[in-house]
Amino acid sequence: MKLLITITPNLEKLLQNEIKEILKLNKLQIPKLNVIDGGIEIDLSKDINRNDKDYYLWSISNCSRLAESIRIRFGNSFPSKNFNQFNSNLENLDFKTFFPTSSIEPQVMVSCSGSTLYHTNAIKERFIDHFNKTIKSEISVDINNSKFKPIKKLLKNLKYKLRKLQIDNQIDNKNYNIEYEDNENDNDEIIIIESEEEILNKINKLQNQLDEIINDQKNIPQTKVFIRIENNQAQLSIDACTSSQGELFHKRTPNKHISEAPIRETLASAIIMAIINNSNIDLKETNIWDPFVGSGTLIQEAIGILLKSKPSNCTNYKRSFQFERFKNHSTERYLKYLHSINKPVSSLIKNTLLIGSDIDQKAIDSSIFNLSNQGYQHDNIKFFKGDFQSILSNQLLLNLNNDKNLKPFTIITNLPYGARILNKNNNSNNYEHDHVGDDDGNFSTKKLESNKDINIYLNNNLSKDLKDLFKRFGDMIQESNQSILKNVFVLNGNSHFQLISTNNGNHNFNWERILHFKNGGLSVELLKMIKKN
């Protein structure tokens, strides 16, 4: 078995380190982790005990904060210069165990590059045809499966009882829908004899239940398939965690309230891990403030990392994964594994203040709802509506004065990038929001059609309000005492920010890039504030 764990490009090293730590904590042998563009490949086909292979998938899916998807690859790539060759090699692949007993066709994603086969829809049709002719019959519901035995046994007994009653009725020509007293019974027990109608009703009820169970099995969400053909070599993979109809793997917060330009949980965790790894900062030794809190995702992930809690048990709901529906999945072993890792997690954030603020009341309400929904409610987690300068003066100083440990604050925030999403209520060129993104962080606008267009717009169109915000943010850092505001980390997507916030380099600090990647298709950088000597 080969695993492909994906992540936003340029964050692969963080994922590699996280996977090593996860495998170590789960007492699993650490195999070679191959870093590729946008992910990590793990080959479990060599030197790994067969019984341990499932635990690699289970541990990474339950414990990773950075992985955006986990795929299982079917063996090695195979030649596919034409459709005959592609179809022939499909026949040689045995991957029926990775599909549930469902009659639903899988969602198939195809990509082609530098190959004679380039028509993605035609390739998809070939695979669906192969699924319907070969795989579907092999994964169909087995009526003799042990899970159906109890209800089938009841049906068998009732049908036997019905036949016996019908024979007796024919012989004796009597109606047995009576109660009678057995005089030979010392206990005077009353025996109830059911009528044919009562037995038939029970049979119909049980048969309907059995049919419903079988129908549910046939309609289990199907596994998602990925086919990549590059330089006439095809590689097939399946999504181990997300079904064709399921929520994306990186969305681990159910019913999340979204404000403008939310950041993915996976990216928020990557930011915090990069800060810890590159700046030697211990989150327990500092208070945390996000002055552009949005949906509260950075605060949420900081809490999870502080508590060392796993994404699988830091929420108030049980996550389920597609591999739990695989035909060869061992439910008993998996439940024992979950019991071994999901230890009770303290909801207390000891000795650390976590403060989120925003000028938008909707953002504050969203953050409070999301963290409460996660089970994170504590006096040390606070949210305030207001501009960052007023929050620093009126709230942070007050909380520090009440904090016996007097730890300074570290800012970790996702800055407004400066793009404006087109107002959908009219056709004018008015823009209404500072941030960019939908609930996945993807930019959506009719006027700016490509990420390149958006980046050009960001660099060439700087509003007066945004310029003022950058300036005031830099002034706040310049004027703050390090005993109050010691560290500042910002996710920035605007090329003007560094120059404006440092007052053309005249302030007593500079910015150092410690990470860069794309957020919703836009180029962003994680910056660290460096005080000048």
Protein backbone atom coordinates (compact mmCIF):
# COMPACT_ATOMS: atom_id res chain seq x y z
CA MET A 1 0.00 0.00 0.00
CA LYS A 2 1.22 3.48 -0.90
CA LEU A 3 -0.12 6.66 0.69
CA LEU A 4 -0.11 10.16 -0.76
CA ILE A 5 -0.76 12.87 1.83
CA THR A 6 -1.37 16.25 0.19
CA ILE A 7 -0.79 19.77 1.45
CA THR A 8 -0.56 23.28 0.03
CA PRO A 9 2.75 23.56 -1.93
CA ASN A 10 5.71 25.00 0.04
CA LEU A 11 4.37 23.49 3.28
CA GLU A 12 5.66 19.97 2.59
CA LYS A 13 8.49 20.14 5.16
CA LEU A 14 6.03 21.01 7.92
CA LEU A 15 3.87 18.03 6.92
CA GLN A 16 6.89 15.72 6.82
CA ASN A 17 7.87 16.71 10.36
CA GLU A 18 4.29 16.34 11.60
CA ILE A 19 3.94 12.84 10.11
CA LYS A 20 7.20 11.74 11.74
CA GLU A 21 5.93 12.99 15.10
CA ILE A 22 2.54 11.27 14.61
CA LEU A 23 4.12 7.91 13.73
CA LYS A 24 6.50 8.23 16.67
CA LEU A 25 3.65 8.92 19.11
CA ASN A 26 1.71 5.98 17.67
CA LYS A 27 4.78 3.75 18.09
CA LEU A 28 4.97 2.97 14.38
CA GLN A 29 8.12 2.40 12.37
CA ILE A 30 9.00 5.53 10.38
CA PRO A 31 9.39 4.57 6.70
CA LYS A 32 10.97 6.75 4.04
CA LEU A 33 8.86 9.86 3.54
CA ASN A 34 9.29 11.09 -0.04
CA VAL A 35 8.69 14.83 -0.39
CA ILE A 36 6.99 15.76 -3.65
CA ASP A 37 5.41 18.98 -4.84
CA GLY A 38 2.26 19.39 -2.78
CA GLY A 39 2.58 16.33 -0.57
CA ILE A 40 4.36 13.37 0.99
CA GLU A 41 4.51 9.85 -0.46
CA ILE A 42 4.80 6.87 1.90
CA ASP A 43 5.54 3.41 0.49
CA LEU A 44 4.21 0.81 2.93
CA SER A 45 4.79 -2.12 0.58
CA LYS A 46 8.28 -2.77 1.95
CA ASP A 47 9.59 -3.59 5.43
CA ILE A 48 6.22 -2.85 7.10
CA ASN A 49 4.33 -5.56 8.94
CA ARG A 50 1.11 -6.33 7.07
CA ASN A 51 -1.02 -5.94 10.21
CA ASP A 52 0.50 -2.50 10.88
CA LYS A 53 -0.32 -0.92 7.51
CA ASP A 54 -3.84 0.07 8.48
CA TYR A 55 -2.50 1.91 11.53
CA TYR A 56 -0.50 4.29 9.33
CA LEU A 57 -3.68 5.38 7.56
CA TRP A 58 -5.67 5.55 10.81
CA SER A 59 -3.04 7.52 12.73
CA ILE A 60 -2.42 10.16 10.04
CA SER A 61 -6.12 10.67 9.29
CA ASN A 62 -7.00 11.08 12.98
CA CYS A 63 -3.95 13.02 14.17
CA SER A 64 -2.78 15.29 11.33
CA ARG A 65 -3.63 18.99 11.47
CA LEU A 66 -1.93 19.76 8.15
CA ALA A 67 -3.04 17.04 5.71
CA GLU A 68 -5.60 18.24 3.18
CA SER A 69 -6.30 14.81 1.71
CA ILE A 70 -5.04 11.25 2.05
CA ARG A 71 -5.00 9.01 -0.99
CA ILE A 72 -4.16 5.35 -1.48
CA ARG A 73 -2.27 4.61 -4.68
CA PHE A 74 -2.79 1.36 -6.59
CA GLY A 75 0.66 -0.10 -7.15
CA ASN A 76 2.98 1.44 -9.69
CA SER A 77 2.03 3.54 -12.70
CA PHE A 78 1.36 1.62 -15.90
CA PRO A 79 1.70 2.38 -19.65
CA SER A 80 -1.36 3.99 -21.25
CA LYS A 81 -0.55 5.08 -24.78
CA ASN A 82 -4.04 4.21 -26.02
CA PHE A 83 -7.42 3.15 -24.68
CA ASN A 84 -6.79 -0.56 -25.33
CA GLN A 85 -3.67 -0.42 -23.21
CA PHE A 86 -5.44 1.59 -20.50
CA ASN A 87 -8.39 -0.86 -20.39
CA SER A 88 -6.11 -3.90 -20.36
CA ASN A 89 -4.08 -2.58 -17.42
CA LEU A 90 -7.25 -1.72 -15.51
CA GLU A 91 -8.18 -5.41 -15.63
CA ASN A 92 -4.93 -6.26 -13.83
CA LEU A 93 -5.60 -3.96 -10.87
CA ASP A 94 -7.25 -5.43 -7.79
CA PHE A 95 -8.78 -2.54 -5.89
CA LYS A 96 -12.30 -3.78 -5.16
CA THR A 97 -11.51 -3.86 -1.42
CA PHE A 98 -11.31 -0.04 -1.46
CA PHE A 99 -14.96 0.32 -2.50
CA PRO A 100 -17.93 -0.09 -0.16
CA THR A 101 -20.91 -2.32 -0.96
CA SER A 102 -22.59 0.47 -2.90
CA SER A 103 -24.25 0.49 -6.28
CA ILE A 104 -23.53 4.21 -6.69
CA GLU A 105 -20.97 5.08 -9.37
CA PRO A 106 -17.79 6.71 -8.01
CA GLN A 107 -16.79 10.29 -8.74
CA VAL A 108 -13.77 10.12 -11.08
CA MET A 109 -11.26 12.95 -11.41
CA VAL A 110 -8.93 12.77 -14.43
CA SER A 111 -5.88 14.86 -15.35
CA CYS A 112 -3.61 14.40 -18.36
CA SER A 113 -0.24 15.88 -19.27
CA GLY A 114 2.14 15.14 -22.15
CA SER A 115 0.22 12.03 -23.21
CA THR A 116 -1.48 10.70 -26.30
CA LEU A 117 -4.57 10.14 -24.15
CA TYR A 118 -5.80 13.60 -23.33
CA HIS A 119 -9.61 13.46 -23.49
CA THR A 120 -10.43 13.38 -19.77
CA ASN A 121 -14.14 12.63 -20.22
CA ALA A 122 -13.38 9.63 -22.44
CA ILE A 123 -10.93 8.26 -19.84
CA LYS A 124 -13.54 8.75 -17.12
CA GLU A 125 -16.14 6.89 -19.22
CA ARG A 126 -13.73 3.94 -19.64
CA PHE A 127 -13.21 3.66 -15.91
CA ILE A 128 -16.95 3.93 -15.11
CA ASP A 129 -17.63 1.21 -17.70
CA HIS A 130 -14.96 -0.98 -16.04
CA PHE A 131 -16.50 -0.29 -12.62
CA ASN A 132 -20.01 -1.26 -13.74
CA LYS A 133 -18.92 -4.41 -15.58
CA THR A 134 -16.26 -5.73 -13.21
CA ILE A 135 -16.07 -4.09 -9.80
CA LYS A 136 -19.77 -3.49 -9.09
CA SER A 137 -20.69 -7.18 -9.09
CA GLU A 138 -17.79 -8.04 -6.79
CA ILE A 139 -18.71 -5.44 -4.18
CA SER A 140 -22.48 -5.99 -4.26
CA VAL A 141 -24.30 -6.64 -1.00
CA ASP A 142 -23.87 -10.24 0.19
CA ILE A 143 -27.21 -11.32 1.59
CA ASN A 144 -25.44 -14.16 3.42
CA ASN A 145 -23.22 -11.75 5.32
CA SER A 146 -23.12 -12.36 9.09
CA LYS A 147 -24.55 -8.88 9.77
CA PHE A 148 -27.89 -10.05 8.33
CA LYS A 149 -28.04 -13.37 10.24
CA PRO A 150 -30.04 -12.24 13.32
CA ILE A 151 -32.91 -10.74 11.35
CA LYS A 152 -32.86 -13.58 8.80
CA LYS A 153 -33.07 -16.13 11.62
CA LEU A 154 -36.13 -14.37 13.04
CA LEU A 155 -37.74 -14.36 9.61
CA LYS A 156 -37.02 -18.05 9.14
CA ASN A 157 -38.59 -18.95 12.49
CA LEU A 158 -41.68 -16.85 11.81
CA LYS A 159 -42.17 -18.36 8.36
CA TYR A 160 -41.85 -21.88 9.83
CA LYS A 161 -44.39 -20.96 12.52
CA LEU A 162 -46.76 -19.60 9.86
CA ARG A 163 -46.54 -22.76 7.74
CA LYS A 164 -47.17 -24.97 10.76
CA LEU A 165 -50.17 -22.90 11.77
CA GLN A 166 -51.61 -23.05 8.25
CA ILE A 167 -51.20 -26.86 8.17
CA ASP A 168 -52.80 -27.23 11.60
CA ASN A 169 -55.71 -25.01 10.54
CA GLN A 170 -56.30 -27.14 7.49
CA ILE A 171 -56.29 -30.33 9.53
CA ASP A 172 -58.37 -29.20 12.49
CA ASN A 173 -60.36 -26.49 10.72
CA LYS A 174 -60.12 -24.41 13.85
CA ASN A 175 -59.40 -20.74 14.55
CA TYR A 176 -56.38 -20.52 16.80
CA ASN A 177 -56.75 -16.83 17.56
CA ILE A 178 -57.78 -17.62 21.14
CA GLU A 179 -56.48 -17.75 24.66
CA TYR A 180 -56.86 -20.98 26.57
CA GLU A 181 -55.84 -22.43 29.87
CA ASP A 182 -53.69 -25.52 29.87
CA ASN A 183 -55.21 -27.62 32.68
CA GLU A 184 -52.22 -29.91 32.71
CA ASN A 185 -49.97 -26.99 33.56
CA ASP A 186 -49.42 -26.77 37.28
CA ASN A 187 -48.71 -23.06 37.07
CA ASP A 188 -51.94 -22.34 35.19
CA GLU A 189 -49.91 -20.59 32.48
CA ILE A 190 -51.88 -18.71 29.85
CA ILE A 191 -50.57 -19.51 26.35
CA ILE A 192 -51.12 -16.99 23.56
CA ILE A 193 -51.47 -18.45 20.10
CA GLU A 194 -51.01 -15.93 17.30
CA SER A 195 -53.21 -15.75 14.28
CA GLU A 196 -51.96 -15.97 10.71
CA GLU A 197 -52.55 -12.23 10.32
CA GLU A 198 -50.37 -11.37 13.35
CA ILE A 199 -47.53 -13.58 12.16
CA LEU A 200 -47.77 -12.17 8.65
CA ASN A 201 -47.57 -8.62 10.03
CA LYS A 202 -44.40 -9.53 11.92
CA ILE A 203 -42.89 -11.13 8.83
CA ASN A 204 -43.68 -8.09 6.69
CA LYS A 205 -42.23 -5.75 9.31
CA LEU A 206 -38.99 -7.72 9.57
CA GLN A 207 -38.73 -8.09 5.79
CA ASN A 208 -39.13 -4.33 5.38
CA GLN A 209 -36.37 -3.79 7.95
CA LEU A 210 -34.08 -6.21 6.09
CA ASP A 211 -34.84 -4.54 2.75
CA GLU A 212 -34.13 -1.13 4.27
CA ILE A 213 -30.76 -2.30 5.64
CA ILE A 214 -29.79 -3.78 2.28
CA ASN A 215 -30.91 -0.63 0.47
CA ASP A 216 -28.81 1.49 2.85
CA GLN A 217 -25.81 -0.73 2.06
CA LYS A 218 -26.37 -0.21 -1.66
CA ASN A 219 -26.48 3.57 -1.21
CA ILE A 220 -23.37 4.05 0.90
CA PRO A 221 -21.37 7.07 -0.38
CA GLN A 222 -18.95 5.75 -2.96
CA THR A 223 -15.17 6.13 -2.99
CA LYS A 224 -13.66 8.97 -5.02
CA VAL A 225 -11.17 7.93 -7.74
CA PHE A 226 -8.26 9.93 -9.18
CA ILE A 227 -6.61 9.07 -12.51
CA ARG A 228 -3.49 10.90 -13.57
CA ILE A 229 -1.88 10.21 -16.95
CA GLU A 230 1.50 11.86 -17.43
CA ASN A 231 3.92 11.08 -20.25
CA ASN A 232 1.76 8.06 -21.24
CA GLN A 233 1.97 6.57 -17.72
CA ALA A 234 -1.25 6.21 -15.71
CA GLN A 235 -1.48 6.29 -11.91
CA LEU A 236 -4.73 5.48 -10.09
CA SER A 237 -5.52 6.59 -6.54
CA ILE A 238 -8.56 6.68 -4.30
CA ASP A 239 -9.47 9.15 -1.57
CA ALA A 240 -9.16 7.27 1.70
CA CYS A 241 -10.91 9.85 3.84
CA THR A 242 -13.55 11.66 1.78
CA SER A 243 -16.37 10.04 -0.19
CA SER A 244 -17.77 11.31 -3.47
CA GLN A 245 -20.58 12.99 -1.50
CA GLY A 246 -18.68 13.80 1.69
CA GLU A 247 -17.23 16.94 3.24
CA LEU A 248 -13.65 17.75 2.24
CA PHE A 249 -11.03 16.34 4.60
CA HIS A 250 -9.62 19.73 5.61
CA LYS A 251 -13.08 20.91 6.76
CA ARG A 252 -13.09 19.50 10.26
CA THR A 253 -15.42 22.05 11.90
CA PRO A 254 -19.10 21.19 11.33
CA ASN A 255 -21.68 23.96 10.87
CA LYS A 256 -18.92 26.56 10.92
CA HIS A 257 -20.02 30.19 10.88
CA ILE A 258 -18.05 31.99 8.21
CA SER A 259 -16.94 35.61 8.17
CA GLU A 260 -15.13 37.39 5.32
CA ALA A 261 -12.02 35.60 4.01
CA PRO A 262 -11.74 32.64 6.38
CA ILE A 263 -8.53 30.66 6.39
CA ARG A 264 -8.51 26.86 6.28
CA GLU A 265 -7.87 25.04 9.55
CA THR A 266 -4.95 23.24 7.88
CA LEU A 267 -3.30 26.53 6.83
CA ALA A 268 -3.91 28.07 10.24
CA SER A 269 -2.16 25.12 11.88
CA ALA A 270 0.70 25.39 9.36
CA ILE A 271 1.18 29.05 10.28
CA ILE A 272 1.34 28.29 14.00
CA MET A 273 3.65 25.29 13.51
CA ALA A 274 5.98 27.38 11.32
CA ILE A 275 6.09 30.07 14.02
CA ILE A 276 6.96 27.46 16.67
CA ASN A 277 9.58 25.71 14.52
CA ASN A 278 11.26 28.77 12.99
CA SER A 279 11.11 31.21 15.88
CA ASN A 280 11.58 28.95 18.91
CA ILE A 281 8.44 30.33 20.50
CA ASP A 282 6.68 28.34 23.20
CA LEU A 283 2.97 29.17 23.07
CA LYS A 284 2.75 28.46 26.80
CA GLU A 285 5.17 31.32 27.49
CA THR A 286 3.16 34.01 25.74
CA ASN A 287 -0.37 35.38 25.45
CA ILE A 288 -1.91 35.36 21.95
CA TRP A 289 -3.85 38.08 20.16
CA ASP A 290 -5.45 37.99 16.71
CA PRO A 291 -6.60 41.57 15.90
CA PHE A 292 -8.31 40.49 12.62
CA VAL A 293 -9.94 37.39 14.07
CA GLY A 294 -12.47 36.65 11.30
CA SER A 295 -13.99 33.22 12.02
CA GLY A 296 -11.58 32.53 14.88
CA THR A 297 -9.63 29.82 13.04
CA LEU A 298 -6.14 30.90 14.15
CA ILE A 299 -7.28 31.07 17.79
CA GLN A 300 -8.99 27.69 17.41
CA GLU A 301 -5.88 25.98 16.03
CA ALA A 302 -3.62 27.66 18.60
CA ILE A 303 -5.80 26.18 21.36
CA GLY A 304 -5.67 22.72 19.79
CA ILE A 305 -1.87 22.88 19.54
CA LEU A 306 -1.59 24.25 23.09
CA LEU A 307 -3.68 21.35 24.40
CA LYS A 308 -1.87 18.87 22.14
CA SER A 309 -5.29 17.58 21.17
CA LYS A 310 -5.95 15.61 18.02
CA PRO A 311 -8.37 16.95 15.39
CA SER A 312 -10.36 13.73 15.85
CA ASN A 313 -11.18 14.47 19.48
CA CYS A 314 -10.97 18.25 19.78
CA THR A 315 -14.46 18.68 18.36
CA ASN A 316 -17.87 17.86 19.75
CA TYR A 317 -18.65 15.38 17.01
CA LYS A 318 -17.18 12.13 15.73
CA ARG A 319 -15.40 12.39 12.42
CA SER A 320 -15.91 9.54 10.00
CA PHE A 321 -13.69 8.60 7.09
CA GLN A 322 -14.28 6.79 3.82
CA PHE A 323 -11.90 3.95 4.76
CA GLU A 324 -14.42 2.93 7.45
CA ARG A 325 -16.72 1.91 4.57
CA PHE A 326 -14.10 -0.18 2.75
CA LYS A 327 -15.06 -3.81 2.28
CA ASN A 328 -11.98 -5.06 4.15
CA HIS A 329 -12.16 -2.52 7.01
CA SER A 330 -11.82 -4.05 10.49
CA THR A 331 -14.29 -2.11 12.64
CA GLU A 332 -13.29 -3.89 15.83
CA ARG A 333 -9.57 -3.14 15.45
CA TYR A 334 -10.28 0.45 14.45
CA LEU A 335 -12.50 1.11 17.49
CA LYS A 336 -9.77 -0.27 19.76
CA TYR A 337 -7.29 2.08 18.08
CA LEU A 338 -9.58 5.10 18.59
CA HIS A 339 -10.00 4.17 22.24
CA SER A 340 -6.21 4.08 22.64
CA ILE A 341 -5.62 7.60 21.24
CA ASN A 342 -8.71 9.56 22.23
CA LYS A 343 -7.88 10.33 25.82
CA PRO A 344 -9.85 13.02 27.67
CA VAL A 345 -8.56 16.50 26.83
CA SER A 346 -8.71 19.27 29.41
CA SER A 347 -10.80 22.21 28.24
CA LEU A 348 -8.76 24.57 30.43
CA ILE A 349 -6.20 26.89 28.85
CA LYS A 350 -3.95 27.38 31.81
CA ASN A 351 -1.91 30.55 32.21
CA THR A 352 -2.40 31.71 28.61
CA LEU A 353 -4.72 34.47 27.42
CA LEU A 354 -6.14 34.06 23.91
CA ILE A 355 -7.80 37.22 22.60
CA GLY A 356 -9.52 37.78 19.29
CA SER A 357 -10.76 41.15 18.07
CA ASP A 358 -12.35 42.59 14.96
CA ILE A 359 -14.24 45.69 13.89
CA ASP A 360 -17.03 43.48 12.52
CA GLN A 361 -19.58 42.17 15.06
CA LYS A 362 -20.40 39.32 12.68
CA ALA A 363 -16.80 38.12 12.95
CA ILE A 364 -16.94 38.25 16.76
CA ASP A 365 -20.24 36.33 16.81
CA SER A 366 -18.85 33.75 14.36
CA SER A 367 -15.71 33.22 16.43
CA ILE A 368 -17.63 32.78 19.67
CA PHE A 369 -20.04 30.31 18.05
CA ASN A 370 -17.26 28.29 16.38
CA LEU A 371 -15.11 27.95 19.48
CA SER A 372 -18.11 27.16 21.68
CA ASN A 373 -19.12 24.53 19.14
CA GLN A 374 -15.65 23.03 19.52
CA GLY A 375 -16.07 22.86 23.29
CA TYR A 376 -13.58 25.68 23.90
CA GLN A 377 -15.14 27.86 26.58
CA HIS A 378 -12.93 29.41 29.23
CA ASP A 379 -12.31 32.72 30.97
CA ASN A 380 -8.90 32.90 29.26
CA ILE A 381 -10.52 33.00 25.79
CA LYS A 382 -11.92 36.46 25.09
CA PHE A 383 -13.34 38.30 22.09
CA PHE A 384 -13.76 42.07 21.67
CA LYS A 385 -15.28 44.26 18.96
CA GLY A 386 -13.10 47.22 18.03
CA ASP A 387 -10.14 48.61 16.14
CA PHE A 388 -6.79 47.05 17.05
CA GLN A 389 -5.37 50.27 18.51
CA SER A 390 -8.31 50.72 20.89
CA ILE A 391 -8.22 47.02 21.83
CA LEU A 392 -4.54 47.32 22.73
CA SER A 393 -5.18 50.38 24.91
CA ASN A 394 -8.45 49.35 26.52
CA GLN A 395 -8.41 45.57 26.72
CA LEU A 396 -4.93 44.06 26.42
CA LEU A 397 -3.39 46.37 29.01
CA LEU A 398 -6.32 45.71 31.35
CA ASN A 399 -5.95 41.94 30.97
CA LEU A 400 -2.20 42.16 31.50
CA ASN A 401 -2.74 44.10 34.70
CA ASN A 402 -5.03 41.30 35.89
CA ASP A 403 -2.60 38.60 34.74
CA LYS A 404 -0.41 37.48 37.63
CA ASN A 405 2.19 36.03 35.22
CA LEU A 406 2.44 39.29 33.24
CA LYS A 407 3.33 37.49 29.99
CA PRO A 408 3.57 39.72 26.89
CA PHE A 409 1.36 39.21 23.85
CA THR A 410 2.23 37.62 20.52
CA ILE A 411 0.18 38.75 17.53
CA ILE A 412 -0.71 36.00 15.06
CA THR A 413 -3.09 37.28 12.39
CA ASN A 414 -4.29 37.08 8.80
CA LEU A 415 -4.13 40.66 7.50
CA PRO A 416 -6.65 42.18 5.08
CA TYR A 417 -5.10 41.67 1.64
CA GLY A 418 -6.71 44.67 -0.02
CA ALA A 419 -8.76 43.05 -2.78
CA ARG A 420 -12.43 43.94 -3.08
CA ILE A 421 -15.01 41.39 -4.02
CA LEU A 422 -17.42 42.75 -6.58
CA ASN A 423 -20.73 43.82 -5.21
CA LYS A 424 -23.14 41.20 -6.49
CA ASN A 425 -26.07 43.50 -5.96
CA ASN A 426 -25.15 45.75 -8.88
CA ASN A 427 -22.97 45.87 -11.97
CA SER A 428 -20.79 48.75 -10.88
CA ASN A 429 -17.09 48.56 -10.13
CA ASN A 430 -17.64 49.15 -6.42
CA TYR A 431 -15.87 46.72 -4.11
CA GLU A 432 -17.10 45.98 -0.67
CA HIS A 433 -14.72 43.83 1.41
CA ASP A 434 -11.06 44.06 2.34
CA HIS A 435 -10.44 40.32 2.50
CA VAL A 436 -10.42 37.75 -0.27
CA GLY A 437 -12.07 34.35 -0.28
CA ASP A 438 -15.03 32.05 0.19
CA ASP A 439 -15.38 29.34 2.84
CA ASP A 440 -12.36 27.58 1.31
CA GLY A 441 -10.36 30.80 0.96
CA ASN A 442 -10.95 30.86 -2.80
CA PHE A 443 -11.35 34.24 -4.49
CA SER A 444 -14.60 34.65 -6.34
CA THR A 445 -15.37 37.57 -8.65
CA LYS A 446 -16.72 38.13 -12.13
CA LYS A 447 -14.42 41.05 -12.96
CA LEU A 448 -11.09 39.56 -11.91
CA GLU A 449 -10.94 36.24 -13.72
CA SER A 450 -7.54 34.83 -12.76
CA ASN A 451 -5.25 34.73 -9.76
CA LYS A 452 -2.74 36.73 -11.77
CA ASP A 453 -5.36 39.43 -12.32
CA ILE A 454 -6.11 39.48 -8.60
CA ASN A 455 -2.44 39.80 -7.62
CA ILE A 456 -1.99 42.62 -10.13
CA TYR A 457 -5.04 44.33 -8.68
CA LEU A 458 -3.69 43.93 -5.14
CA ASN A 459 -0.42 45.57 -6.08
CA ASN A 460 -1.82 48.35 -8.25
CA ASN A 461 -4.94 49.37 -6.33
CA LEU A 462 -4.32 50.37 -2.74
CA SER A 463 -7.26 52.10 -1.12
CA LYS A 464 -6.80 55.00 1.25
CA ASP A 465 -8.43 53.00 4.06
CA LEU A 466 -6.11 50.04 3.61
CA LYS A 467 -3.04 52.26 3.39
CA ASP A 468 -4.13 53.90 6.63
CA LEU A 469 -4.67 50.50 8.27
CA PHE A 470 -1.14 49.36 7.31
CA LYS A 471 0.33 52.60 8.64
CA ARG A 472 -1.56 52.46 11.94
CA PHE A 473 -0.65 48.80 12.41
CA GLY A 474 3.05 49.67 12.02
CA ASP A 475 2.69 52.67 14.34
CA MET A 476 1.18 50.41 17.01
CA ILE A 477 4.18 48.08 16.83
CA GLN A 478 6.58 51.04 16.86
CA GLU A 479 4.99 52.55 19.96
CA SER A 480 4.46 49.33 21.92
CA ASN A 481 6.73 48.23 24.71
CA GLN A 482 8.13 44.72 24.30
CA SER A 483 6.83 43.87 27.75
CA ILE A 484 3.35 44.25 26.24
CA LEU A 485 3.80 43.27 22.58
CA LYS A 486 6.85 41.09 22.11
CA ASN A 487 6.26 39.11 18.90
CA VAL A 488 4.25 39.88 15.76
CA PHE A 489 3.50 37.43 12.95
CA VAL A 490 1.26 38.38 10.03
CA LEU A 491 0.03 36.53 6.96
CA ASN A 492 0.33 39.15 4.25
CA GLY A 493 -0.81 39.20 0.64
CA ASN A 494 -0.12 42.83 -0.29
CA SER A 495 3.24 43.99 -1.67
CA HIS A 496 2.78 47.48 -0.15
CA PHE A 497 2.37 46.31 3.44
CA GLN A 498 6.03 45.99 4.47
CA LEU A 499 7.06 49.43 3.22
CA ILE A 500 4.03 51.28 4.60
CA SER A 501 3.98 49.53 8.00
CA THR A 502 7.69 50.24 8.61
CA ASN A 503 7.31 53.90 7.56
CA ASN A 504 9.68 53.36 4.60
CA GLY A 505 12.14 51.61 6.92
CA ASN A 506 12.24 54.43 9.49
CA HIS A 507 10.52 52.47 12.27
CA ASN A 508 12.52 50.42 14.78
CA PHE A 509 11.60 47.09 13.20
CA ASN A 510 11.67 45.22 9.90
CA TRP A 511 9.83 42.20 8.50
CA GLU A 512 11.40 38.79 7.83
CA ARG A 513 9.69 36.22 5.62
CA ILE A 514 9.60 32.78 7.22
CA LEU A 515 7.11 31.09 4.91
CA HIS A 516 5.31 31.66 1.62
CA PHE A 517 2.53 29.77 -0.11
CA LYS A 518 -0.79 30.31 -1.88
CA ASN A 519 -3.99 30.97 0.01
CA GLY A 520 -7.04 30.54 -2.20
CA GLY A 521 -4.76 30.89 -5.24
CA LEU A 522 -3.21 34.15 -4.01
CA SER A 523 0.48 34.46 -3.16
CA VAL A 524 0.90 35.16 0.56
CA GLU A 525 3.82 35.29 2.98
CA LEU A 526 4.16 34.71 6.69
CA LEU A 527 6.16 37.61 8.11
CA LYS A 528 7.93 37.91 11.44
CA MET A 529 8.58 41.28 13.06
CA ILE A 530 12.31 41.80 13.80
CA LYS A 531 13.35 44.61 16.12
CA LYS A 532 16.37 46.64 15.03
CA ASN A 533 19.38 46.77 17.33
